[in-house]
Protein backbone atom coordinates (compact mmCIF):
# COMPACT_ATOMS: atom_id res chain seq x y z
CA UNK A 1 67.21 -81.25 34.46
CA UNK A 2 70.36 -79.72 32.99
CA UNK A 3 73.26 -81.74 33.23
CA UNK A 4 76.33 -80.80 35.22
CA UNK A 5 78.58 -81.29 32.21
CA UNK A 6 76.18 -78.50 30.40
CA UNK A 7 76.17 -76.56 33.00
CA UNK A 8 80.02 -76.41 33.35
CA UNK A 9 80.42 -76.02 29.66
CA UNK A 10 78.27 -73.02 29.43
CA UNK A 11 80.08 -71.32 32.58
CA UNK A 12 83.06 -71.84 30.94
CA UNK A 13 81.83 -70.30 27.51
CA UNK A 14 80.67 -67.52 29.90
CA UNK A 15 83.70 -66.80 31.75
CA UNK A 16 85.85 -67.35 28.07
CA UNK A 17 83.34 -64.66 26.60
CA UNK A 18 83.95 -62.24 29.78
CA UNK A 19 87.19 -62.67 29.59
CA UNK A 20 87.97 -62.01 25.74
CA UNK A 21 85.83 -59.12 26.48
CA UNK A 22 88.17 -57.65 28.91
CA UNK A 23 91.18 -58.46 26.59
CA UNK A 24 89.55 -56.86 23.76
CA UNK A 25 88.25 -53.95 25.70
CA UNK A 26 91.95 -53.04 27.29
CA UNK A 27 90.70 -53.82 30.81
CA UNK A 28 93.77 -55.94 31.64
CA UNK A 29 96.16 -53.31 30.87
CA UNK A 30 97.17 -51.68 33.98
CA UNK A 31 98.43 -48.89 31.84
CA UNK A 32 95.27 -48.03 30.51
CA UNK A 33 93.12 -48.74 33.34
CA UNK A 34 95.59 -46.00 35.41
CA UNK A 35 95.38 -43.33 32.41
CA UNK A 36 91.24 -43.94 32.60
CA UNK A 37 91.61 -42.95 36.38
CA UNK A 38 94.44 -40.16 35.61
CA UNK A 39 91.87 -37.49 35.26
CA UNK A 40 94.55 -34.35 35.89
CA UNK A 41 96.79 -35.77 33.30
CA UNK A 42 96.99 -37.75 30.01
CA UNK A 43 93.44 -38.66 30.50
CA UNK A 44 92.09 -41.75 28.69
CA UNK A 45 88.21 -42.12 28.62
CA UNK A 46 88.22 -45.02 26.49
CA UNK A 47 87.40 -47.39 29.51
CA UNK A 48 84.09 -45.04 30.18
CA UNK A 49 82.81 -46.46 26.61
CA UNK A 50 83.95 -49.91 27.84
CA UNK A 51 81.71 -48.99 31.12
CA UNK A 52 78.42 -47.21 29.36
CA UNK A 53 78.49 -50.10 26.70
CA UNK A 54 78.42 -52.96 29.45
CA UNK A 55 75.89 -50.96 31.69
CA UNK A 56 73.45 -50.62 28.37
CA UNK A 57 73.90 -54.57 27.60
CA UNK A 58 72.74 -55.30 31.29
CA UNK A 59 70.18 -52.85 31.56
CA UNK A 60 68.48 -54.78 28.13
CA UNK A 61 69.09 -58.58 29.48
CA UNK A 62 67.69 -57.32 32.68
CA UNK A 63 64.50 -55.22 31.77
CA UNK A 64 64.09 -57.98 28.57
CA UNK A 65 64.75 -61.10 30.23
CA UNK A 66 65.21 -61.51 33.69
CA UNK A 67 62.23 -59.29 34.41
CA UNK A 68 59.77 -61.46 32.67
CA UNK A 69 61.44 -64.85 33.54
CA UNK A 70 59.63 -66.14 36.57
CA UNK A 71 63.03 -67.66 37.25
CA UNK A 72 66.71 -68.18 35.61
CA UNK A 73 67.36 -71.01 33.43
CA UNK A 74 70.08 -72.52 35.41
CA UNK A 75 69.11 -71.68 39.20
CA UNK A 76 65.99 -72.55 41.20
CA UNK A 77 65.34 -68.60 41.89
CA UNK A 78 67.00 -65.07 41.36
CA UNK A 79 69.58 -63.96 44.20
CA UNK A 80 69.09 -60.42 43.94
CA UNK A 81 70.78 -58.15 46.94
CA UNK A 82 69.37 -57.96 50.22
CA UNK A 83 71.34 -55.16 51.18
CA UNK A 84 70.89 -51.60 50.71
CA UNK A 85 72.13 -49.30 53.44
CA UNK A 86 75.05 -47.21 52.79
CA UNK A 87 76.82 -47.88 55.54
CA UNK A 88 80.42 -47.58 56.82
CA UNK A 89 81.73 -51.11 56.23
CA UNK A 90 80.71 -50.44 52.09
CA UNK A 91 82.07 -47.10 51.86
CA UNK A 92 85.46 -48.77 53.54
CA UNK A 93 85.11 -51.54 51.23
CA UNK A 94 84.72 -48.96 48.24
CA UNK A 95 87.61 -46.82 49.25
CA UNK A 96 90.25 -50.00 49.49
CA UNK A 97 88.98 -51.60 46.26
CA UNK A 98 89.74 -48.16 44.68
CA UNK A 99 92.75 -47.46 46.18
CA UNK A 100 94.09 -50.83 44.90
CA UNK A 101 92.13 -50.06 41.62
CA UNK A 102 94.36 -47.16 41.41
CA UNK A 103 97.79 -48.51 42.30
CA UNK A 104 97.42 -51.89 40.96
CA UNK A 105 95.69 -51.25 37.87
CA UNK A 106 93.61 -54.28 38.11
CA UNK A 107 90.11 -55.37 39.62
CA UNK A 108 89.47 -59.01 39.94
CA UNK A 109 88.39 -59.76 36.32
CA UNK A 110 90.85 -58.49 34.89
CA UNK A 111 93.85 -59.25 37.46
CA UNK A 112 92.53 -62.99 36.66
CA UNK A 113 92.54 -62.62 32.42
CA UNK A 114 96.24 -61.31 33.19
CA UNK A 115 97.19 -63.67 35.13
CA UNK A 116 96.14 -66.29 32.70
CA UNK A 117 98.06 -64.61 30.24
CA UNK A 118 101.20 -64.22 32.48
CA UNK A 119 101.09 -60.51 32.78
CA UNK A 120 104.48 -60.04 35.40
CA UNK A 121 102.06 -57.28 37.20
CA UNK A 122 99.50 -59.47 37.93
CA UNK A 123 101.90 -62.01 39.31
CA UNK A 124 102.14 -60.06 42.26
CA UNK A 125 98.39 -58.55 42.47
CA UNK A 126 96.51 -61.53 42.37
CA UNK A 127 98.45 -63.11 45.48
CA UNK A 128 97.86 -59.77 47.11
CA UNK A 129 94.03 -59.94 46.25
CA UNK A 130 93.73 -63.08 47.72
CA UNK A 131 95.55 -62.09 50.95
CA UNK A 132 93.11 -59.05 50.99
CA UNK A 133 89.92 -61.61 50.83
CA UNK A 134 91.48 -64.28 53.27
CA UNK A 135 91.88 -61.05 55.45
CA UNK A 136 88.28 -59.59 54.75
CA UNK A 137 87.07 -63.70 55.87
CA UNK A 138 89.01 -63.57 59.18
CA UNK A 139 87.88 -60.23 59.99
CA UNK A 140 84.40 -60.37 59.15
CA UNK A 141 83.07 -64.16 58.84
CA UNK A 142 80.00 -65.08 58.25
CA UNK A 143 79.38 -61.39 55.98
CA UNK A 144 78.76 -62.20 53.10
CA UNK A 145 74.85 -63.71 52.88
């Protein structure tokens, strides 16, 4: 069994790599994200390439590793989603996420990276995001599997 310190180190490395990727791709810049969402104005398609690149890396890793492994390296089993229905709560959550992304220019990961970098916009977005998470927990207790 792997020691907790080793696992924590790997988690820190993965988080730092994720944050670096977000920063390099521009996902921590609200203006760039809003430019991507402004398809009727000065549209900036560069984030579509970032997303396609991420999907490509994930697909290759999933098909090349995860499907061939009996279990993950650092967990007793794979944790795959069991809910598959497209229902009203899913659509409402997606709409709320999309509105927040469009208005703020952040989604959760880039918002945390921007907060760590001291971006002023993240100083109001992250607390609002936390309030939304707490409201979700209060309205739908025990909903998350």
